[in-house]
Amino acid sequence: MRRTRHIQNGAFTLISLLMILSCKQVRQPQLGCGDISRVTGRMSAIMIHDVTNPPLAARFFAYTCLAGYEIVAQNDTAVKSMRVKLNGYPEIQKPDGLGGYDYRLSAILCMIETAAKLQPSGKLMKVEQENFIDSCKNIGFSNSVIDSSLHYAQVISKQILKYVKADKYNRISNYTRYSPLKREGSWAPTPPVYMAAVEPYFNTIRPFTLDSASQFLPEPPVPFSTDKNSLFYKYTMQVYKAGGTELTPDHRTIAGFWDCNPFAVENNGHMLIGIKKISPGAHWMGITAIACSKAGLSFSKTMQVNTAVAIALTDAFICCWDDKYRTNRIRPETAIRKYIDPNWRPLLQTPPFPEYISGHSVISSAAAVILTYYFGDNFHYTDNVEMKFGLKPRKYQSFLQASAEATISRFWGGIHFKDAIEKGQIQGIAVGKHVLSRINAKN
């Protein structure tokens, strides 16, 4: 009798062990915040390859993140669809009868599918997709789950791309080629490349949350003047002096750290060679990835944060670019060389678009508002986004501290006047708060 009980107990233990092993075998692999940043990081690398301009880069990030976000919203009740929250956003239909998928996997694949269609070198994202699928197989995703997840991703991506097309960016190529104004005090192309103006019609595309591109119109810039007693001349001399003996090693470091100019080139004999740099928006998407990882956010929350930041970046660029081509103000480099010192050079190369207002000031402030909302105003982190480009990491006690440093970097770099920086901060903060009010509104 005692032996029978031992046999029964042993059989029960064996069955329990088999059940535990069986559960472990069918447990679905988990994807995390790092998989989202893997996609945005790969997008940034392709943007460098394509020399994608800053406003367009933000637009790519926004739609790509939105594609992944929609799948998360359809499967996680804690995440609400952007329906009604975004301008013209349609009801995205989930495929009927779909099963056997992993929504996190679908979200990542949807991001990749969308980015591959948006970016000029989209074929490189297709390579990323192949590599990602291989890695998913290695961690235990079955072929059937991958196939179902990919099908789901393709259906949603197709609908998102229809929304993309409706923003009218594709019409810009049909507009009259932009010509610089030939009046004193207006913007003109700058050395060494003298590039044509970048995205002069970016304010014509549909914003995500703004009522119009001019919703947060800043005060007009200080009027141009060659009078040595004028405020404009004072601002010009500030930049001139800052670029001389007042430029400290720390100022140089800060300016270089936040340069983020994808159009920068260097002279090599008789040739101009492009320097690989990410855009300002790509830098802030990298900061977003750092914050999500450090905070240990869930996959769903990470997707929310990335999408909010990318939307804010795009709307901030729309506002900023609207004012740039309205005011069309001369760059410090042009003014100083023409009216003060013909041999002066700024520390940083001047980007190819009008001066007022400061783009980095607007988008950095907007991104900082979004990130502060999610992580708090005392979030310490180390920014190592551009280590691969030879820049040493910098430590920050908050996102607002980082954005303030990014804005003043344009002054030390010699590419912006003080009022463009100050008014840019005001506009960026307003855009960031507005984006939060829209995406957090109850449906």
Protein backbone atom coordinates (compact mmCIF):
# COMPACT_ATOMS: atom_id res chain seq x y z
CA MET A 1 0.00 0.00 0.00
CA ARG A 2 2.83 2.37 0.95
CA ARG A 3 4.70 1.43 -2.27
CA THR A 4 1.57 2.17 -4.37
CA ARG A 5 1.29 5.59 -2.74
CA HIS A 6 4.96 6.28 -3.59
CA ILE A 7 4.34 5.29 -7.21
CA GLN A 8 1.26 7.53 -7.38
CA ASN A 9 3.17 10.44 -5.85
CA GLY A 10 6.03 9.89 -8.31
CA ALA A 11 3.62 9.78 -11.23
CA PHE A 12 1.99 13.01 -10.05
CA THR A 13 5.40 14.69 -9.76
CA LEU A 14 6.37 13.55 -13.26
CA ILE A 15 3.10 14.81 -14.76
CA SER A 16 3.53 18.15 -12.99
CA LEU A 17 7.07 18.45 -14.32
CA LEU A 18 5.93 17.66 -17.86
CA MET A 19 3.18 20.27 -17.58
CA ILE A 20 5.69 22.90 -16.42
CA LEU A 21 8.06 22.05 -19.27
CA SER A 22 5.16 22.14 -21.71
CA CYS A 23 4.17 25.61 -20.50
CA LYS A 24 7.73 26.81 -20.94
CA GLN A 25 7.79 25.48 -24.47
CA VAL A 26 4.66 27.33 -25.59
CA ARG A 27 5.39 30.58 -23.77
CA GLN A 28 5.60 33.36 -26.35
CA PRO A 29 8.89 35.24 -26.60
CA GLN A 30 8.65 38.85 -25.43
CA LEU A 31 9.72 41.93 -27.35
CA GLY A 32 10.62 45.10 -25.46
CA CYS A 33 11.44 48.78 -25.74
CA GLY A 34 14.81 47.99 -27.28
CA ASP A 35 13.11 46.53 -30.34
CA ILE A 36 11.32 49.82 -30.98
CA SER A 37 14.53 51.83 -30.65
CA ARG A 38 16.20 49.33 -32.97
CA VAL A 39 13.81 50.44 -35.73
CA THR A 40 14.16 54.18 -35.09
CA GLY A 41 17.92 53.77 -34.82
CA ARG A 42 18.05 52.00 -38.17
CA MET A 43 15.88 54.73 -39.65
CA SER A 44 18.37 57.33 -38.41
CA ALA A 45 21.23 55.46 -40.07
CA ILE A 46 19.36 55.36 -43.38
CA MET A 47 18.54 59.07 -43.05
CA ILE A 48 22.27 59.79 -42.84
CA HIS A 49 22.78 57.68 -45.95
CA ASP A 50 20.02 59.58 -47.77
CA VAL A 51 20.96 63.01 -46.32
CA THR A 52 17.35 63.41 -45.21
CA ASN A 53 16.55 66.98 -44.23
CA PRO A 54 15.45 67.64 -40.60
CA PRO A 55 11.71 68.38 -41.13
CA LEU A 56 11.28 65.39 -43.42
CA ALA A 57 13.15 63.14 -40.99
CA ALA A 58 10.68 64.05 -38.23
CA ARG A 59 7.78 63.29 -40.57
CA PHE A 60 9.23 59.83 -41.29
CA PHE A 61 9.58 59.10 -37.57
CA ALA A 62 6.05 60.26 -36.82
CA TYR A 63 4.26 58.10 -39.37
CA THR A 64 6.45 55.08 -38.65
CA CYS A 65 5.79 55.27 -34.91
CA LEU A 66 2.11 55.90 -35.53
CA ALA A 67 1.93 52.68 -37.55
CA GLY A 68 3.28 50.64 -34.66
CA TYR A 69 1.18 52.58 -32.16
CA GLU A 70 -2.06 51.72 -33.97
CA ILE A 71 -1.45 48.00 -33.64
CA VAL A 72 -0.67 48.42 -29.95
CA ALA A 73 -3.87 50.43 -29.50
CA GLN A 74 -5.91 47.65 -31.13
CA ASN A 75 -4.54 45.09 -28.68
CA ASP A 76 -3.82 46.90 -25.41
CA THR A 77 -6.84 48.51 -23.76
CA ALA A 78 -4.55 50.91 -21.88
CA VAL A 79 -3.58 52.53 -25.19
CA LYS A 80 -6.22 54.52 -27.05
CA SER A 81 -6.40 54.99 -30.81
CA MET A 82 -5.42 58.34 -32.30
CA ARG A 83 -8.81 58.49 -33.98
CA VAL A 84 -10.23 62.02 -33.41
CA LYS A 85 -7.01 63.09 -31.67
CA LEU A 86 -5.09 63.71 -34.90
CA ASN A 87 -6.16 65.83 -37.84
CA GLY A 88 -7.90 63.77 -40.52
CA TYR A 89 -6.93 60.49 -38.89
CA PRO A 90 -9.16 57.68 -40.17
CA GLU A 91 -10.50 54.65 -38.38
CA ILE A 92 -7.87 51.99 -38.94
CA GLN A 93 -9.50 48.64 -39.58
CA LYS A 94 -8.12 45.49 -38.02
CA PRO A 95 -8.21 42.46 -40.36
CA ASP A 96 -11.23 40.19 -39.81
CA GLY A 97 -10.62 36.71 -38.46
CA LEU A 98 -6.96 37.27 -37.81
CA GLY A 99 -5.42 35.03 -35.16
CA GLY A 100 -2.16 33.45 -34.13
CA TYR A 101 -0.19 36.69 -34.15
CA ASP A 102 1.90 38.50 -31.56
CA TYR A 103 0.86 42.16 -31.49
CA ARG A 104 4.27 43.39 -30.39
CA LEU A 105 5.86 41.57 -33.28
CA SER A 106 3.20 42.99 -35.60
CA ALA A 107 3.85 46.51 -34.31
CA ILE A 108 7.58 46.28 -35.04
CA LEU A 109 6.99 44.78 -38.47
CA CYS A 110 4.42 47.49 -39.19
CA MET A 111 6.96 50.16 -38.32
CA ILE A 112 9.51 48.56 -40.64
CA GLU A 113 6.98 48.16 -43.46
CA THR A 114 5.98 51.81 -43.18
CA ALA A 115 9.53 53.17 -42.95
CA ALA A 116 10.52 51.08 -45.98
CA LYS A 117 7.83 52.81 -48.04
CA LEU A 118 8.59 56.31 -46.72
CA GLN A 119 12.38 56.49 -46.85
CA PRO A 120 14.12 56.84 -50.24
CA SER A 121 16.46 53.94 -49.47
CA GLY A 122 13.60 51.79 -48.24
CA LYS A 123 15.26 48.65 -49.54
CA LEU A 124 17.67 48.98 -46.61
CA MET A 125 14.72 48.74 -44.24
CA LYS A 126 13.68 45.55 -46.01
CA VAL A 127 17.09 44.14 -45.12
CA GLU A 128 16.39 45.20 -41.54
CA GLN A 129 13.09 43.32 -41.71
CA GLU A 130 14.81 40.13 -42.82
CA ASN A 131 17.37 40.43 -40.03
CA PHE A 132 14.66 41.14 -37.46
CA ILE A 133 12.58 38.14 -38.53
CA ASP A 134 15.66 35.92 -38.30
CA SER A 135 16.32 37.18 -34.77
CA CYS A 136 12.68 36.47 -33.87
CA LYS A 137 13.03 32.89 -35.04
CA ASN A 138 16.16 32.53 -32.96
CA ILE A 139 14.36 33.58 -29.77
CA GLY A 140 11.48 31.18 -30.35
CA PHE A 141 8.81 32.75 -32.56
CA SER A 142 7.25 30.12 -34.81
CA ASN A 143 6.89 30.59 -38.55
CA SER A 144 3.11 30.65 -38.25
CA VAL A 145 3.15 33.44 -35.65
CA ILE A 146 5.62 35.44 -37.73
CA ASP A 147 3.51 35.01 -40.88
CA SER A 148 0.29 36.06 -39.13
CA SER A 149 2.02 39.00 -37.47
CA LEU A 150 3.53 40.14 -40.77
CA HIS A 151 0.16 39.94 -42.51
CA TYR A 152 -1.40 42.05 -39.77
CA ALA A 153 1.46 44.57 -40.07
CA GLN A 154 1.06 44.89 -43.83
CA VAL A 155 -2.68 45.51 -43.61
CA ILE A 156 -2.27 48.29 -41.03
CA SER A 157 0.75 49.82 -42.75
CA LYS A 158 -1.20 50.11 -45.99
CA GLN A 159 -3.91 52.11 -44.22
CA ILE A 160 -1.36 54.34 -42.48
CA LEU A 161 0.32 55.04 -45.81
CA LYS A 162 -3.00 56.28 -47.19
CA TYR A 163 -3.10 58.71 -44.29
CA VAL A 164 0.49 59.71 -45.13
CA LYS A 165 -0.39 60.46 -48.74
CA ALA A 166 -3.25 62.71 -47.67
CA ASP A 167 -0.92 65.14 -45.85
CA LYS A 168 -0.07 66.65 -49.27
CA TYR A 169 3.69 66.47 -48.90
CA ASN A 170 3.84 64.80 -52.32
CA ARG A 171 2.49 67.99 -53.90
CA ILE A 172 5.50 70.04 -52.86
CA SER A 173 7.58 68.84 -55.80
CA ASN A 174 5.05 70.50 -58.12
CA TYR A 175 5.39 73.93 -56.52
CA THR A 176 7.43 76.72 -58.08
CA ARG A 177 11.11 76.43 -57.25
CA TYR A 178 11.92 78.70 -54.34
CA SER A 179 14.13 81.69 -55.07
CA PRO A 180 15.81 83.73 -52.30
CA LEU A 181 14.53 87.27 -51.89
CA LYS A 182 16.87 89.93 -53.28
CA ARG A 183 16.36 92.48 -50.53
CA GLU A 184 18.73 93.68 -47.86
CA GLY A 185 18.49 91.73 -44.64
CA SER A 186 16.92 88.63 -46.17
CA TRP A 187 18.30 85.11 -46.24
CA ALA A 188 20.83 84.05 -48.87
CA PRO A 189 22.65 80.72 -49.38
CA THR A 190 25.85 80.39 -47.36
CA PRO A 191 29.28 78.82 -47.90
CA PRO A 192 30.83 76.42 -48.49
CA VAL A 193 28.12 74.75 -50.60
CA TYR A 194 25.61 77.59 -51.10
CA MET A 195 22.78 75.07 -51.02
CA ALA A 196 19.26 75.90 -52.13
CA ALA A 197 16.67 76.55 -49.41
CA VAL A 198 15.46 73.38 -47.69
CA GLU A 199 11.72 72.64 -47.50
CA PRO A 200 10.36 76.15 -48.17
CA TYR A 201 6.83 74.71 -48.45
CA PHE A 202 6.85 72.44 -45.41
CA ASN A 203 4.17 74.63 -43.83
CA THR A 204 1.71 73.49 -46.50
CA ILE A 205 1.45 69.91 -45.25
CA ARG A 206 -1.21 68.74 -42.83
CA PRO A 207 -0.08 69.01 -39.20
CA PHE A 208 -0.90 66.21 -36.78
CA THR A 209 -2.44 68.34 -34.02
CA LEU A 210 -2.15 72.00 -35.02
CA ASP A 211 -5.08 74.04 -36.28
CA SER A 212 -2.66 75.64 -38.73
CA ALA A 213 1.07 76.08 -39.27
CA SER A 214 0.81 79.59 -37.80
CA GLN A 215 -1.13 78.60 -34.67
CA PHE A 216 1.76 79.52 -32.37
CA LEU A 217 3.11 82.43 -34.35
CA PRO A 218 6.04 84.03 -32.51
CA GLU A 219 6.70 87.72 -32.19
CA PRO A 220 8.34 89.23 -35.28
CA PRO A 221 12.14 89.23 -35.25
CA VAL A 222 14.12 92.33 -34.44
CA PRO A 223 14.06 94.45 -37.62
CA PHE A 224 17.16 94.34 -39.80
CA SER A 225 19.36 97.41 -39.60
CA THR A 226 22.93 98.42 -40.31
CA ASP A 227 22.70 101.26 -37.79
CA LYS A 228 25.30 100.60 -35.12
CA ASN A 229 22.88 101.80 -32.46
CA SER A 230 20.11 99.39 -33.52
CA LEU A 231 19.10 96.27 -31.64
CA PHE A 232 19.77 94.12 -34.71
CA TYR A 233 23.34 95.39 -34.91
CA LYS A 234 23.72 94.67 -31.20
CA TYR A 235 22.55 91.08 -31.76
CA THR A 236 24.94 90.74 -34.68
CA MET A 237 27.88 91.95 -32.61
CA GLN A 238 26.93 89.47 -29.87
CA VAL A 239 27.35 86.59 -32.31
CA TYR A 240 30.53 88.10 -33.73
CA LYS A 241 32.14 88.47 -30.29
CA ALA A 242 30.90 85.07 -29.12
CA GLY A 243 32.62 83.52 -32.11
CA GLY A 244 35.92 85.15 -31.19
CA THR A 245 37.75 85.44 -27.87
CA GLU A 246 34.57 84.75 -25.87
CA LEU A 247 34.21 81.24 -27.31
CA THR A 248 35.44 78.90 -24.55
CA PRO A 249 36.35 75.20 -24.91
CA ASP A 250 33.06 74.33 -23.17
CA HIS A 251 31.11 76.44 -25.65
CA ARG A 252 32.81 74.63 -28.51
CA THR A 253 31.95 71.27 -26.98
CA ILE A 254 28.30 72.20 -26.50
CA ALA A 255 27.98 73.59 -30.02
CA GLY A 256 29.57 70.50 -31.55
CA PHE A 257 27.49 68.12 -29.45
CA TRP A 258 24.21 69.62 -30.69
CA ASP A 259 25.33 70.44 -34.24
CA CYS A 260 23.10 67.79 -35.86
CA ASN A 261 23.53 69.23 -39.36
CA PRO A 262 23.07 66.52 -42.02
CA PHE A 263 24.24 68.99 -44.71
CA ALA A 264 27.65 69.66 -43.15
CA VAL A 265 30.67 69.20 -45.43
CA GLU A 266 34.42 69.57 -45.11
CA ASN A 267 37.01 70.70 -47.63
CA ASN A 268 39.42 68.06 -48.91
CA GLY A 269 41.63 69.68 -51.49
CA HIS A 270 39.37 70.56 -54.41
CA MET A 271 36.54 68.42 -53.07
CA LEU A 272 33.74 68.92 -50.56
CA ILE A 273 33.01 65.75 -48.62
CA GLY A 274 29.83 65.25 -46.62
CA ILE A 275 30.19 64.69 -42.88
CA LYS A 276 27.89 62.05 -41.47
CA LYS A 277 25.57 63.68 -38.92
CA ILE A 278 22.09 62.89 -37.68
CA SER A 279 19.25 65.41 -37.72
CA PRO A 280 18.07 67.23 -34.55
CA GLY A 281 14.92 65.10 -34.50
CA ALA A 282 16.92 61.90 -34.78
CA HIS A 283 19.01 63.03 -31.81
CA TRP A 284 15.87 63.50 -29.71
CA MET A 285 14.46 60.15 -30.81
CA GLY A 286 17.75 58.67 -29.57
CA ILE A 287 17.29 60.44 -26.24
CA THR A 288 13.77 59.01 -26.10
CA ALA A 289 15.20 55.52 -26.53
CA ILE A 290 17.69 56.12 -23.70
CA ALA A 291 14.93 57.33 -21.36
CA CYS A 292 12.57 54.45 -22.13
CA SER A 293 15.32 51.92 -21.53
CA LYS A 294 16.52 53.50 -18.29
CA ALA A 295 12.96 53.73 -16.94
CA GLY A 296 12.26 50.12 -17.91
CA LEU A 297 9.07 51.03 -19.73
CA SER A 298 6.81 48.34 -21.14
CA PHE A 299 6.57 47.81 -24.88
CA SER A 300 3.21 49.59 -25.07
CA LYS A 301 4.34 52.60 -23.02
CA THR A 302 7.52 52.88 -25.06
CA MET A 303 5.47 53.00 -28.24
CA GLN A 304 3.29 55.73 -26.73
CA VAL A 305 6.27 57.87 -25.77
CA ASN A 306 8.05 57.49 -29.11
CA THR A 307 4.90 58.35 -31.03
CA ALA A 308 4.19 61.43 -28.91
CA VAL A 309 7.75 62.72 -29.31
CA ALA A 310 7.77 62.12 -33.08
CA ILE A 311 4.41 63.86 -33.55
CA ALA A 312 5.60 66.83 -31.48
CA LEU A 313 8.81 67.05 -33.52
CA THR A 314 6.88 67.14 -36.79
CA ASP A 315 4.36 69.75 -35.68
CA ALA A 316 7.19 71.82 -34.21
CA PHE A 317 9.02 71.75 -37.53
CA ILE A 318 5.84 72.78 -39.36
CA CYS A 319 5.43 75.80 -37.04
CA CYS A 320 9.08 76.73 -37.19
CA TRP A 321 9.43 76.41 -40.96
CA ASP A 322 6.28 78.45 -41.44
CA ASP A 323 7.94 81.36 -39.66
CA LYS A 324 11.35 80.86 -41.24
CA TYR A 325 10.06 81.50 -44.72
CA ARG A 326 7.65 84.21 -43.57
CA THR A 327 10.36 86.32 -41.91
CA ASN A 328 13.17 85.19 -44.23
CA ARG A 329 15.81 86.72 -42.00
CA ILE A 330 19.48 86.91 -42.88
CA ARG A 331 21.91 84.51 -41.16
CA PRO A 332 24.59 85.87 -38.79
CA GLU A 333 27.31 84.61 -41.12
CA THR A 334 26.00 86.65 -44.03
CA ALA A 335 25.41 89.79 -41.97
CA ILE A 336 28.79 89.71 -40.21
CA ARG A 337 30.80 89.05 -43.34
CA LYS A 338 28.98 91.76 -45.29
CA TYR A 339 28.82 94.51 -42.67
CA ILE A 340 31.51 93.79 -40.04
CA ASP A 341 34.26 91.34 -40.97
CA PRO A 342 34.54 89.67 -44.42
CA ASN A 343 36.86 87.00 -43.04
CA TRP A 344 34.63 85.84 -40.17
CA ARG A 345 33.54 82.21 -40.03
CA PRO A 346 31.04 80.64 -37.61
CA LEU A 347 32.12 77.66 -35.54
CA LEU A 348 29.38 75.55 -37.11
CA GLN A 349 28.42 75.48 -40.76
CA THR A 350 25.28 77.49 -41.38
CA PRO A 351 22.32 75.28 -42.38
CA PRO A 352 20.58 76.04 -45.72
CA PHE A 353 17.41 77.87 -44.64
CA PRO A 354 16.43 81.24 -43.12
CA GLU A 355 17.48 82.18 -39.60
CA TYR A 356 14.32 83.11 -37.67
CA ILE A 357 13.28 81.22 -35.68
CA SER A 358 15.80 78.67 -34.43
CA GLY A 359 14.71 75.18 -35.46
CA HIS A 360 16.74 73.38 -32.80
CA SER A 361 15.29 75.68 -30.15
CA VAL A 362 11.73 74.90 -31.24
CA ILE A 363 11.98 71.15 -31.65
CA SER A 364 14.24 70.57 -28.63
CA SER A 365 11.85 72.49 -26.39
CA ALA A 366 8.85 70.60 -27.78
CA ALA A 367 10.54 67.22 -27.29
CA ALA A 368 11.64 68.15 -23.77
CA VAL A 369 8.04 69.03 -22.82
CA ILE A 370 6.82 65.61 -24.01
CA LEU A 371 9.59 63.67 -22.29
CA THR A 372 9.20 65.64 -19.05
CA TYR A 373 5.50 64.76 -19.04
CA TYR A 374 6.29 61.03 -19.19
CA PHE A 375 9.44 60.86 -17.05
CA GLY A 376 9.29 63.89 -14.75
CA ASP A 377 11.37 67.05 -14.49
CA ASN A 378 14.23 65.43 -12.55
CA PHE A 379 15.13 62.55 -14.86
CA HIS A 380 18.90 62.07 -14.89
CA TYR A 381 20.39 60.43 -17.97
CA THR A 382 23.51 60.21 -20.07
CA ASP A 383 23.19 61.19 -23.73
CA ASN A 384 25.43 58.87 -25.75
CA VAL A 385 23.39 59.05 -28.96
CA GLU A 386 26.29 60.28 -31.07
CA MET A 387 29.17 58.26 -29.65
CA LYS A 388 29.45 56.47 -32.99
CA PHE A 389 30.27 59.85 -34.54
CA GLY A 390 33.07 60.53 -32.08
CA LEU A 391 31.15 62.72 -29.61
CA LYS A 392 31.68 62.04 -25.92
CA PRO A 393 28.51 61.40 -23.84
CA ARG A 394 27.08 64.23 -21.77
CA LYS A 395 25.12 63.94 -18.52
CA TYR A 396 21.88 65.81 -17.87
CA GLN A 397 19.66 66.24 -14.83
CA SER A 398 16.55 66.84 -16.91
CA PHE A 399 15.27 67.07 -20.46
CA LEU A 400 14.63 70.78 -20.02
CA GLN A 401 18.29 71.26 -19.10
CA ALA A 402 19.30 69.40 -22.25
CA SER A 403 16.92 71.43 -24.43
CA ALA A 404 18.21 74.70 -22.94
CA GLU A 405 21.76 73.63 -23.79
CA ALA A 406 20.70 72.64 -27.30
CA THR A 407 19.17 76.06 -27.89
CA ILE A 408 22.13 78.12 -26.68
CA SER A 409 24.44 75.87 -28.73
CA ARG A 410 23.15 77.63 -31.84
CA PHE A 411 24.44 80.94 -30.49
CA TRP A 412 27.87 79.54 -29.63
CA GLY A 413 27.93 77.88 -33.03
CA GLY A 414 27.45 81.28 -34.69
CA ILE A 415 24.35 80.34 -36.66
CA HIS A 416 21.55 82.11 -34.72
CA PHE A 417 20.79 85.45 -33.11
CA LYS A 418 19.61 85.54 -29.51
CA ASP A 419 15.99 86.49 -30.25
CA ALA A 420 15.57 83.53 -32.63
CA ILE A 421 16.69 81.23 -29.83
CA GLU A 422 14.52 82.78 -27.12
CA LYS A 423 11.38 82.94 -29.25
CA GLY A 424 12.08 79.44 -30.51
CA GLN A 425 11.97 78.09 -26.97
CA ILE A 426 8.61 79.77 -26.38
CA GLN A 427 7.13 78.33 -29.55
CA GLY A 428 8.49 74.84 -28.89
CA ILE A 429 7.07 74.72 -25.37
CA ALA A 430 3.67 75.83 -26.70
CA VAL A 431 3.70 73.12 -29.37
CA GLY A 432 4.72 70.42 -26.90
CA LYS A 433 1.92 71.33 -24.48
CA HIS A 434 -0.59 71.45 -27.31
CA VAL A 435 0.39 68.00 -28.60
CA LEU A 436 -0.05 66.57 -25.10
CA SER A 437 -3.49 68.16 -24.77
CA ARG A 438 -4.60 66.62 -28.06
CA ILE A 439 -3.25 63.10 -27.64
CA ASN A 440 -4.46 62.92 -24.03
CA ALA A 441 -7.94 64.15 -24.86
CA LYS A 442 -10.72 61.66 -24.22
CA ASN A 443 -12.25 60.22 -27.36
